[in-house]
Amino acid sequence: MLTHSSLTKQTSTSSSWNTYALFRENPGIVEAGSGLRYFSFFDSQIDTVFAAMSALKLDDIEMVVSETRWPSKGDRSEIGASVANAAAYNDNLVRRILTIGE
């Protein structure tokens, strides 16, 4: 299972975290190891899995995302946990999925 703890530590103090995580227009975040620029946290996670599978020579196995979500409510310390952000995440995720490969 993938988690976002390391990336959250990099960006959670920045107001750009919600923009990046919610698929909103942003300047992107450059991954230090590869120099690749990602414009959404979802894309960076997917690419991480593909890279790991490729390193293990498992390129012929189909990947399926079975669950992803955004909290609609949370503790005060949870940045962006709201009904509005959960709706934005779901809407923008669908838009992103529909444009993969374009």
PDB file of N, CA and C in Angstrom:
ATOM      1  N   MET A   1       0.836  -1.169   0.000  1.00  0.00           N
ATOM      2  CA  MET A   1       0.000   0.000   0.000  1.00  0.00           C
ATOM      3  C   MET A   1       0.887   1.241   0.000  1.00  0.00           C
ATOM      4  N   LEU A   2       0.522   2.198  -0.797  1.00  0.00           N
ATOM      5  CA  LEU A   2       1.269   3.447  -0.851  1.00  0.00           C
ATOM      6  C   LEU A   2       0.721   4.433   0.161  1.00  0.00           C
ATOM      7  N   THR A   3       1.624   5.177   0.758  1.00  0.00           N
ATOM      8  CA  THR A   3       1.205   6.258   1.641  1.00  0.00           C
ATOM      9  C   THR A   3       1.891   7.537   1.193  1.00  0.00           C
ATOM     10  N   HIS A   4       1.442   8.631   1.705  1.00  0.00           N
ATOM     11  CA  HIS A   4       1.997   9.906   1.281  1.00  0.00           C
ATOM     12  C   HIS A   4       2.833  10.584   2.355  1.00  0.00           C
ATOM     13  N   SER A   5       3.317   9.847   3.335  1.00  0.00           N
ATOM     14  CA  SER A   5       3.975  10.478   4.476  1.00  0.00           C
ATOM     15  C   SER A   5       5.212  11.277   4.090  1.00  0.00           C
ATOM     16  N   SER A   6       6.069  10.758   3.229  1.00  0.00           N
ATOM     17  CA  SER A   6       7.297  11.498   2.915  1.00  0.00           C
ATOM     18  C   SER A   6       7.005  12.757   2.126  1.00  0.00           C
ATOM     19  N   LEU A   7       6.100  12.682   1.179  1.00  0.00           N
ATOM     20  CA  LEU A   7       5.759  13.863   0.396  1.00  0.00           C
ATOM     21  C   LEU A   7       5.004  14.870   1.244  1.00  0.00           C
ATOM     22  N   THR A   8       4.163  14.395   2.134  1.00  0.00           N
ATOM     23  CA  THR A   8       3.417  15.294   3.006  1.00  0.00           C
ATOM     24  C   THR A   8       4.375  16.105   3.866  1.00  0.00           C
ATOM     25  N   LYS A   9       5.434  15.481   4.348  1.00  0.00           N
ATOM     26  CA  LYS A   9       6.411  16.199   5.158  1.00  0.00           C
ATOM     27  C   LYS A   9       7.052  17.325   4.352  1.00  0.00           C
ATOM     28  N   GLN A  10       7.236  17.117   3.036  1.00  0.00           N
ATOM     29  CA  GLN A  10       7.825  18.145   2.181  1.00  0.00           C
ATOM     30  C   GLN A  10       6.873  19.304   1.955  1.00  0.00           C
ATOM     31  N   THR A  11       5.585  19.023   1.843  1.00  0.00           N
ATOM     32  CA  THR A  11       4.666  20.026   1.329  1.00  0.00           C
ATOM     33  C   THR A  11       3.560  20.447   2.282  1.00  0.00           C
ATOM     34  N   SER A  12       3.374  19.772   3.403  1.00  0.00           N
ATOM     35  CA  SER A  12       2.208  20.054   4.238  1.00  0.00           C
ATOM     36  C   SER A  12       2.248  21.434   4.880  1.00  0.00           C
ATOM     37  N   THR A  13       3.419  22.012   5.006  1.00  0.00           N
ATOM     38  CA  THR A  13       3.486  23.352   5.566  1.00  0.00           C
ATOM     39  C   THR A  13       3.188  24.409   4.509  1.00  0.00           C
ATOM     40  N   SER A  14       3.095  23.997   3.279  1.00  0.00           N
ATOM     41  CA  SER A  14       2.841  24.917   2.181  1.00  0.00           C
ATOM     42  C   SER A  14       1.367  24.895   1.806  1.00  0.00           C
ATOM     43  N   SER A  15       0.846  26.059   1.454  1.00  0.00           N
ATOM     44  CA  SER A  15      -0.551  26.110   1.013  1.00  0.00           C
ATOM     45  C   SER A  15      -0.727  25.429  -0.329  1.00  0.00           C
ATOM     46  N   SER A  16       0.370  25.103  -0.994  1.00  0.00           N
ATOM     47  CA  SER A  16       0.285  24.445  -2.298  1.00  0.00           C
ATOM     48  C   SER A  16      -0.059  22.960  -2.192  1.00  0.00           C
ATOM     49  N   TRP A  17       0.006  22.378  -0.979  1.00  0.00           N
ATOM     50  CA  TRP A  17      -0.265  20.942  -0.851  1.00  0.00           C
ATOM     51  C   TRP A  17      -1.653  20.581  -1.359  1.00  0.00           C
ATOM     52  N   ASN A  18      -2.690  21.303  -0.923  1.00  0.00           N
ATOM     53  CA  ASN A  18      -4.045  20.984  -1.376  1.00  0.00           C
ATOM     54  C   ASN A  18      -4.178  21.157  -2.876  1.00  0.00           C
ATOM     55  N   THR A  19      -3.566  22.182  -3.414  1.00  0.00           N
ATOM     56  CA  THR A  19      -3.619  22.408  -4.858  1.00  0.00           C
ATOM     57  C   THR A  19      -3.033  21.217  -5.595  1.00  0.00           C
ATOM     58  N   TYR A  20      -1.885  20.743  -5.149  1.00  0.00           N
ATOM     59  CA  TYR A  20      -1.193  19.597  -5.750  1.00  0.00           C
ATOM     60  C   TYR A  20      -1.989  18.312  -5.564  1.00  0.00           C
ATOM     61  N   ALA A  21      -2.465  18.074  -4.370  1.00  0.00           N
ATOM     62  CA  ALA A  21      -3.180  16.832  -4.066  1.00  0.00           C
ATOM     63  C   ALA A  21      -4.570  16.779  -4.685  1.00  0.00           C
ATOM     64  N   LEU A  22      -5.174  17.935  -4.931  1.00  0.00           N
ATOM     65  CA  LEU A  22      -6.538  17.983  -5.467  1.00  0.00           C
ATOM     66  C   LEU A  22      -6.572  18.157  -6.983  1.00  0.00           C
ATOM     67  N   PHE A  23      -5.448  17.931  -7.658  1.00  0.00           N
ATOM     68  CA  PHE A  23      -5.364  17.997  -9.126  1.00  0.00           C
ATOM     69  C   PHE A  23      -5.620  19.396  -9.668  1.00  0.00           C
ATOM     70  N   ARG A  24      -5.418  20.406  -8.875  1.00  0.00           N
ATOM     71  CA  ARG A  24      -5.638  21.773  -9.357  1.00  0.00           C
ATOM     72  C   ARG A  24      -4.372  22.277 -10.043  1.00  0.00           C
ATOM     73  N   GLU A  25      -4.528  23.287 -10.883  1.00  0.00           N
ATOM     74  CA  GLU A  25      -3.382  23.833 -11.607  1.00  0.00           C
ATOM     75  C   GLU A  25      -2.327  24.305 -10.615  1.00  0.00           C
ATOM     76  N   ASN A  26      -1.077  23.892 -10.860  1.00  0.00           N
ATOM     77  CA  ASN A  26       0.022  24.230  -9.968  1.00  0.00           C
ATOM     78  C   ASN A  26       1.339  24.120 -10.728  1.00  0.00           C
ATOM     79  N   PRO A  27       2.434  24.643 -10.171  1.00  0.00           N
ATOM     80  CA  PRO A  27       3.727  24.578 -10.862  1.00  0.00           C
ATOM     81  C   PRO A  27       4.376  23.198 -10.812  1.00  0.00           C
ATOM     82  N   GLY A  28       3.808  22.285 -10.057  1.00  0.00           N
ATOM     83  CA  GLY A  28       4.359  20.938  -9.948  1.00  0.00           C
ATOM     84  C   GLY A  28       5.404  20.828  -8.857  1.00  0.00           C
ATOM     85  N   ILE A  29       5.740  19.600  -8.548  1.00  0.00           N
ATOM     86  CA  ILE A  29       6.775  19.294  -7.566  1.00  0.00           C
ATOM     87  C   ILE A  29       7.783  18.392  -8.262  1.00  0.00           C
ATOM     88  N   VAL A  30       9.053  18.745  -8.178  1.00  0.00           N
ATOM     89  CA  VAL A  30      10.108  17.968  -8.815  1.00  0.00           C
ATOM     90  C   VAL A  30      10.577  16.884  -7.859  1.00  0.00           C
ATOM     91  N   GLU A  31      10.575  15.655  -8.342  1.00  0.00           N
ATOM     92  CA  GLU A  31      11.057  14.514  -7.564  1.00  0.00           C
ATOM     93  C   GLU A  31      12.576  14.538  -7.632  1.00  0.00           C
ATOM     94  N   ALA A  32      13.213  14.599  -6.482  1.00  0.00           N
ATOM     95  CA  ALA A  32      14.660  14.807  -6.412  1.00  0.00           C
ATOM     96  C   ALA A  32      15.469  13.718  -7.118  1.00  0.00           C
ATOM     97  N   GLY A  33      15.087  12.468  -6.969  1.00  0.00           N
ATOM     98  CA  GLY A  33      15.868  11.371  -7.536  1.00  0.00           C
ATOM     99  C   GLY A  33      15.886  11.337  -9.051  1.00  0.00           C
ATOM    100  N   SER A  34      14.753  11.599  -9.668  1.00  0.00           N
ATOM    101  CA  SER A  34      14.640  11.482 -11.127  1.00  0.00           C
ATOM    102  C   SER A  34      14.616  12.821 -11.847  1.00  0.00           C
ATOM    103  N   GLY A  35      14.287  13.880 -11.126  1.00  0.00           N
ATOM    104  CA  GLY A  35      14.126  15.180 -11.762  1.00  0.00           C
ATOM    105  C   GLY A  35      12.794  15.342 -12.472  1.00  0.00           C
ATOM    106  N   LEU A  36      11.927  14.337 -12.359  1.00  0.00           N
ATOM    107  CA  LEU A  36      10.610  14.420 -12.993  1.00  0.00           C
ATOM    108  C   LEU A  36       9.721  15.390 -12.229  1.00  0.00           C
ATOM    109  N   ARG A  37       8.912  16.131 -12.967  1.00  0.00           N
ATOM    110  CA  ARG A  37       7.983  17.084 -12.359  1.00  0.00           C
ATOM    111  C   ARG A  37       6.582  16.483 -12.393  1.00  0.00           C
ATOM    112  N   TYR A  38       5.945  16.456 -11.226  1.00  0.00           N
ATOM    113  CA  TYR A  38       4.582  15.934 -11.115  1.00  0.00           C
ATOM    114  C   TYR A  38       3.637  17.072 -10.757  1.00  0.00           C
ATOM    115  N   PHE A  39       2.452  17.018 -11.351  1.00  0.00           N
ATOM    116  CA  PHE A  39       1.456  18.054 -11.123  1.00  0.00           C
ATOM    117  C   PHE A  39       0.305  17.566 -10.251  1.00  0.00           C
ATOM    118  N   SER A  40       0.375  16.300  -9.828  1.00  0.00           N
ATOM    119  CA  SER A  40      -0.603  15.786  -8.863  1.00  0.00           C
ATOM    120  C   SER A  40       0.050  14.670  -8.060  1.00  0.00           C
ATOM    121  N   PHE A  41      -0.368  14.568  -6.835  1.00  0.00           N
ATOM    122  CA  PHE A  41       0.139  13.520  -5.963  1.00  0.00           C
ATOM    123  C   PHE A  41      -0.242  12.145  -6.492  1.00  0.00           C
ATOM    124  N   PHE A  42      -1.442  12.028  -7.025  1.00  0.00           N
ATOM    125  CA  PHE A  42      -1.912  10.767  -7.595  1.00  0.00           C
ATOM    126  C   PHE A  42      -0.951  10.288  -8.684  1.00  0.00           C
ATOM    127  N   ASP A  43      -0.592  11.168  -9.616  1.00  0.00           N
ATOM    128  CA  ASP A  43       0.320  10.786 -10.698  1.00  0.00           C
ATOM    129  C   ASP A  43       1.679  10.360 -10.162  1.00  0.00           C
ATOM    130  N   SER A  44       2.179  11.041  -9.137  1.00  0.00           N
ATOM    131  CA  SER A  44       3.475  10.657  -8.582  1.00  0.00           C
ATOM    132  C   SER A  44       3.419   9.275  -7.939  1.00  0.00           C
ATOM    133  N   GLN A  45       2.310   8.952  -7.290  1.00  0.00           N
ATOM    134  CA  GLN A  45       2.166   7.621  -6.698  1.00  0.00           C
ATOM    135  C   GLN A  45       2.104   6.541  -7.776  1.00  0.00           C
ATOM    136  N   ILE A  46       1.318   6.783  -8.812  1.00  0.00           N
ATOM    137  CA  ILE A  46       1.187   5.803  -9.889  1.00  0.00           C
ATOM    138  C   ILE A  46       2.541   5.574 -10.555  1.00  0.00           C
ATOM    139  N   ASP A  47       3.270   6.651 -10.826  1.00  0.00           N
ATOM    140  CA  ASP A  47       4.574   6.518 -11.462  1.00  0.00           C
ATOM    141  C   ASP A  47       5.550   5.765 -10.568  1.00  0.00           C
ATOM    142  N   THR A  48       5.462   5.964  -9.265  1.00  0.00           N
ATOM    143  CA  THR A  48       6.314   5.236  -8.327  1.00  0.00           C
ATOM    144  C   THR A  48       6.074   3.733  -8.421  1.00  0.00           C
ATOM    145  N   VAL A  49       4.818   3.342  -8.515  1.00  0.00           N
ATOM    146  CA  VAL A  49       4.493   1.915  -8.636  1.00  0.00           C
ATOM    147  C   VAL A  49       5.012   1.364  -9.963  1.00  0.00           C
ATOM    148  N   PHE A  50       4.782   2.095 -11.054  1.00  0.00           N
ATOM    149  CA  PHE A  50       5.282   1.647 -12.354  1.00  0.00           C
ATOM    150  C   PHE A  50       6.801   1.489 -12.333  1.00  0.00           C
ATOM    151  N   ALA A  51       7.512   2.435 -11.738  1.00  0.00           N
ATOM    152  CA  ALA A  51       8.968   2.361 -11.670  1.00  0.00           C
ATOM    153  C   ALA A  51       9.421   1.154 -10.858  1.00  0.00           C
ATOM    154  N   ALA A  52       8.762   0.900  -9.742  1.00  0.00           N
ATOM    155  CA  ALA A  52       9.116  -0.258  -8.913  1.00  0.00           C
ATOM    156  C   ALA A  52       8.845  -1.561  -9.651  1.00  0.00           C
ATOM    157  N   MET A  53       7.704  -1.636 -10.321  1.00  0.00           N
ATOM    158  CA  MET A  53       7.374  -2.847 -11.078  1.00  0.00           C
ATOM    159  C   MET A  53       8.361  -3.057 -12.222  1.00  0.00           C
ATOM    160  N   SER A  54       8.745  -1.986 -12.880  1.00  0.00           N
ATOM    161  CA  SER A  54       9.710  -2.077 -13.974  1.00  0.00           C
ATOM    162  C   SER A  54      11.065  -2.560 -13.466  1.00  0.00           C
ATOM    163  N   ALA A  55      11.486  -2.057 -12.317  1.00  0.00           N
ATOM    164  CA  ALA A  55      12.760  -2.482 -11.732  1.00  0.00           C
ATOM    165  C   ALA A  55      12.759  -3.970 -11.408  1.00  0.00           C
ATOM    166  N   LEU A  56      11.586  -4.503 -11.122  1.00  0.00           N
ATOM    167  CA  LEU A  56      11.443  -5.935 -10.827  1.00  0.00           C
ATOM    168  C   LEU A  56      11.116  -6.747 -12.074  1.00  0.00           C
ATOM    169  N   LYS A  57      11.166  -6.089 -13.240  1.00  0.00           N
ATOM    170  CA  LYS A  57      10.854  -6.723 -14.532  1.00  0.00           C
ATOM    171  C   LYS A  57       9.422  -7.252 -14.572  1.00  0.00           C
ATOM    172  N   LEU A  58       8.503  -6.500 -13.989  1.00  0.00           N
ATOM    173  CA  LEU A  58       7.088  -6.873 -13.963  1.00  0.00           C
ATOM    174  C   LEU A  58       6.264  -5.939 -14.846  1.00  0.00           C
ATOM    175  N   ASP A  59       6.845  -5.528 -15.967  1.00  0.00           N
ATOM    176  CA  ASP A  59       6.185  -4.580 -16.861  1.00  0.00           C
ATOM    177  C   ASP A  59       4.915  -5.126 -17.501  1.00  0.00           C
ATOM    178  N   ASP A  60       4.760  -6.432 -17.521  1.00  0.00           N
ATOM    179  CA  ASP A  60       3.610  -7.036 -18.203  1.00  0.00           C
ATOM    180  C   ASP A  60       2.397  -7.233 -17.289  1.00  0.00           C
ATOM    181  N   ILE A  61       2.484  -6.773 -16.062  1.00  0.00           N
ATOM    182  CA  ILE A  61       1.367  -6.914 -15.127  1.00  0.00           C
ATOM    183  C   ILE A  61       0.551  -5.629 -15.130  1.00  0.00           C
ATOM    184  N   GLU A  62      -0.745  -5.771 -15.319  1.00  0.00           N
ATOM    185  CA  GLU A  62      -1.639  -4.617 -15.330  1.00  0.00           C
ATOM    186  C   GLU A  62      -1.820  -4.075 -13.918  1.00  0.00           C
ATOM    187  N   MET A  63      -1.798  -2.766 -13.799  1.00  0.00           N
ATOM    188  CA  MET A  63      -2.034  -2.136 -12.506  1.00  0.00           C
ATOM    189  C   MET A  63      -3.459  -1.599 -12.463  1.00  0.00           C
ATOM    190  N   VAL A  64      -4.119  -1.793 -11.337  1.00  0.00           N
ATOM    191  CA  VAL A  64      -5.475  -1.294 -11.134  1.00  0.00           C
ATOM    192  C   VAL A  64      -5.507  -0.532  -9.812  1.00  0.00           C
ATOM    193  N   VAL A  65      -6.035   0.673  -9.848  1.00  0.00           N
ATOM    194  CA  VAL A  65      -6.235   1.444  -8.619  1.00  0.00           C
ATOM    195  C   VAL A  65      -7.609   1.069  -8.096  1.00  0.00           C
ATOM    196  N   SER A  66      -7.646   0.469  -6.925  1.00  0.00           N
ATOM    197  CA  SER A  66      -8.924  -0.018  -6.397  1.00  0.00           C
ATOM    198  C   SER A  66      -9.601   0.988  -5.468  1.00  0.00           C
ATOM    199  N   GLU A  67      -8.831   1.904  -4.921  1.00  0.00           N
ATOM    200  CA  GLU A  67      -9.437   2.869  -4.000  1.00  0.00           C
ATOM    201  C   GLU A  67      -8.552   4.100  -3.897  1.00  0.00           C
ATOM    202  N   THR A  68      -9.173   5.231  -3.858  1.00  0.00           N
ATOM    203  CA  THR A  68      -8.511   6.494  -3.556  1.00  0.00           C
ATOM    204  C   THR A  68      -9.582   7.418  -3.005  1.00  0.00           C
ATOM    205  N   ARG A  69      -9.190   8.299  -2.120  1.00  0.00           N
ATOM    206  CA  ARG A  69     -10.220   9.146  -1.500  1.00  0.00           C
ATOM    207  C   ARG A  69      -9.593  10.392  -0.897  1.00  0.00           C
ATOM    208  N   TRP A  70     -10.476  11.300  -0.509  1.00  0.00           N
ATOM    209  CA  TRP A  70     -10.093  12.517   0.204  1.00  0.00           C
ATOM    210  C   TRP A  70     -11.024  12.636   1.403  1.00  0.00           C
ATOM    211  N   PRO A  71     -10.508  12.945   2.591  1.00  0.00           N
ATOM    212  CA  PRO A  71     -11.377  13.026   3.769  1.00  0.00           C
ATOM    213  C   PRO A  71     -12.341  14.215   3.710  1.00  0.00           C
ATOM    214  N   SER A  72     -13.566  13.961   4.082  1.00  0.00           N
ATOM    215  CA  SER A  72     -14.565  15.033   4.109  1.00  0.00           C
ATOM    216  C   SER A  72     -14.628  15.715   5.473  1.00  0.00           C
ATOM    217  N   LYS A  73     -13.965  15.110   6.458  1.00  0.00           N
ATOM    218  CA  LYS A  73     -13.958  15.659   7.811  1.00  0.00           C
ATOM    219  C   LYS A  73     -12.733  15.113   8.525  1.00  0.00           C
ATOM    220  N   GLY A  74     -12.172  15.885   9.436  1.00  0.00           N
ATOM    221  CA  GLY A  74     -11.015  15.401  10.161  1.00  0.00           C
ATOM    222  C   GLY A  74     -10.660  16.293  11.325  1.00  0.00           C
ATOM    223  N   ASP A  75      -9.538  15.971  11.956  1.00  0.00           N
ATOM    224  CA  ASP A  75      -9.029  16.779  13.059  1.00  0.00           C
ATOM    225  C   ASP A  75      -8.570  18.136  12.537  1.00  0.00           C
ATOM    226  N   ARG A  76      -8.418  19.073  13.439  1.00  0.00           N
ATOM    227  CA  ARG A  76      -7.952  20.413  13.055  1.00  0.00           C
ATOM    228  C   ARG A  76      -6.596  20.367  12.366  1.00  0.00           C
ATOM    229  N   SER A  77      -5.788  19.379  12.723  1.00  0.00           N
ATOM    230  CA  SER A  77      -4.446  19.278  12.140  1.00  0.00           C
ATOM    231  C   SER A  77      -4.459  18.714  10.721  1.00  0.00           C
ATOM    232  N   GLU A  78      -5.583  18.173  10.287  1.00  0.00           N
ATOM    233  CA  GLU A  78      -5.665  17.598   8.942  1.00  0.00           C
ATOM    234  C   GLU A  78      -5.942  18.704   7.928  1.00  0.00           C
ATOM    235  N   ILE A  79      -4.928  18.991   7.155  1.00  0.00           N
ATOM    236  CA  ILE A  79      -5.011  20.079   6.184  1.00  0.00           C
ATOM    237  C   ILE A  79      -6.018  19.734   5.098  1.00  0.00           C
ATOM    238  N   GLY A  80      -7.020  20.579   4.937  1.00  0.00           N
ATOM    239  CA  GLY A  80      -7.936  20.449   3.810  1.00  0.00           C
ATOM    240  C   GLY A  80      -9.023  19.409   3.914  1.00  0.00           C
ATOM    241  N   ALA A  81      -9.204  18.789   5.068  1.00  0.00           N
ATOM    242  CA  ALA A  81     -10.272  17.791   5.209  1.00  0.00           C
ATOM    243  C   ALA A  81     -11.607  18.517   5.263  1.00  0.00           C
ATOM    244  N   SER A  82     -12.351  18.467   4.145  1.00  0.00           N
ATOM    245  CA  SER A  82     -13.644  19.148   4.084  1.00  0.00           C
ATOM    246  C   SER A  82     -14.505  18.514   3.000  1.00  0.00           C
ATOM    247  N   VAL A  83     -15.790  18.737   3.089  1.00  0.00           N
ATOM    248  CA  VAL A  83     -16.717  18.225   2.078  1.00  0.00           C
ATOM    249  C   VAL A  83     -16.386  18.840   0.722  1.00  0.00           C
ATOM    250  N   ALA A  84     -16.095  20.137   0.694  1.00  0.00           N
ATOM    251  CA  ALA A  84     -15.777  20.809  -0.571  1.00  0.00           C
ATOM    252  C   ALA A  84     -14.525  20.221  -1.220  1.00  0.00           C
ATOM    253  N   ASN A  85     -13.484  19.965  -0.423  1.00  0.00           N
ATOM    254  CA  ASN A  85     -12.263  19.388  -0.982  1.00  0.00           C
ATOM    255  C   ASN A  85     -12.460  17.934  -1.398  1.00  0.00           C
ATOM    256  N   ALA A  86     -13.260  17.191  -0.656  1.00  0.00           N
ATOM    257  CA  ALA A  86     -13.552  15.807  -1.051  1.00  0.00           C
ATOM    258  C   ALA A  86     -14.272  15.789  -2.397  1.00  0.00           C
ATOM    259  N   ALA A  87     -15.226  16.686  -2.583  1.00  0.00           N
ATOM    260  CA  ALA A  87     -15.941  16.774  -3.862  1.00  0.00           C
ATOM    261  C   ALA A  87     -14.992  17.194  -4.980  1.00  0.00           C
ATOM    262  N   ALA A  88     -14.123  18.162  -4.705  1.00  0.00           N
ATOM    263  CA  ALA A  88     -13.153  18.609  -5.712  1.00  0.00           C
ATOM    264  C   ALA A  88     -12.209  17.477  -6.088  1.00  0.00           C
ATOM    265  N   TYR A  89     -11.741  16.724  -5.092  1.00  0.00           N
ATOM    266  CA  TYR A  89     -10.849  15.593  -5.359  1.00  0.00           C
ATOM    267  C   TYR A  89     -11.534  14.591  -6.276  1.00  0.00           C
ATOM    268  N   ASN A  90     -12.750  14.204  -5.938  1.00  0.00           N
ATOM    269  CA  ASN A  90     -13.464  13.216  -6.752  1.00  0.00           C
ATOM    270  C   ASN A  90     -13.693  13.720  -8.176  1.00  0.00           C
ATOM    271  N   ASP A  91     -14.142  14.959  -8.314  1.00  0.00           N
ATOM    272  CA  ASP A  91     -14.383  15.531  -9.645  1.00  0.00           C
ATOM    273  C   ASP A  91     -13.094  15.597 -10.462  1.00  0.00           C
ATOM    274  N   ASN A  92     -12.036  16.098  -9.844  1.00  0.00           N
ATOM    275  CA  ASN A  92     -10.774  16.254 -10.561  1.00  0.00           C
ATOM    276  C   ASN A  92     -10.101  14.917 -10.843  1.00  0.00           C
ATOM    277  N   LEU A  93     -10.287  13.936  -9.966  1.00  0.00           N
ATOM    278  CA  LEU A  93      -9.770  12.592 -10.227  1.00  0.00           C
ATOM    279  C   LEU A  93     -10.428  12.010 -11.476  1.00  0.00           C
ATOM    280  N   VAL A  94     -11.733  12.130 -11.577  1.00  0.00           N
ATOM    281  CA  VAL A  94     -12.438  11.616 -12.757  1.00  0.00           C
ATOM    282  C   VAL A  94     -11.926  12.318 -14.012  1.00  0.00           C
ATOM    283  N   ARG A  95     -11.772  13.628 -13.964  1.00  0.00           N
ATOM    284  CA  ARG A  95     -11.230  14.366 -15.120  1.00  0.00           C
ATOM    285  C   ARG A  95      -9.843  13.852 -15.488  1.00  0.00           C
ATOM    286  N   ARG A  96      -9.002  13.620 -14.476  1.00  0.00           N
ATOM    287  CA  ARG A  96      -7.636  13.137 -14.727  1.00  0.00           C
ATOM    288  C   ARG A  96      -7.664  11.755 -15.358  1.00  0.00           C
ATOM    289  N   ILE A  97      -8.463  10.855 -14.834  1.00  0.00           N
ATOM    290  CA  ILE A  97      -8.546   9.495 -15.375  1.00  0.00           C
ATOM    291  C   ILE A  97      -9.011   9.528 -16.826  1.00  0.00           C
ATOM    292  N   LEU A  98      -9.972  10.381 -17.126  1.00  0.00           N
ATOM    293  CA  LEU A  98     -10.501  10.462 -18.491  1.00  0.00           C
ATOM    294  C   LEU A  98      -9.500  11.052 -19.483  1.00  0.00           C
ATOM    295  N   THR A  99      -8.466  11.738 -18.996  1.00  0.00           N
ATOM    296  CA  THR A  99      -7.487  12.335 -19.904  1.00  0.00           C
ATOM    297  C   THR A  99      -6.178  11.560 -19.976  1.00  0.00           C
ATOM    298  N   ILE A 100      -6.046  10.460 -19.255  1.00  0.00           N
ATOM    299  CA  ILE A 100      -4.816   9.670 -19.317  1.00  0.00           C
ATOM    300  C   ILE A 100      -4.632   9.172 -20.745  1.00  0.00           C
ATOM    301  N   GLY A 101      -3.443   9.376 -21.254  1.00  0.00           N
ATOM    302  CA  GLY A 101      -3.128   8.933 -22.603  1.00  0.00           C
ATOM    303  C   GLY A 101      -3.358   9.980 -23.673  1.00  0.00           C
ATOM    304  N   GLU A 102      -3.934  11.101 -23.313  1.00  0.00           N
ATOM    305  CA  GLU A 102      -4.152  12.161 -24.311  1.00  0.00           C
ATOM    306  C   GLU A 102      -2.898  12.966 -24.509  1.00  0.00           C
TER     307      GLU A 102
END
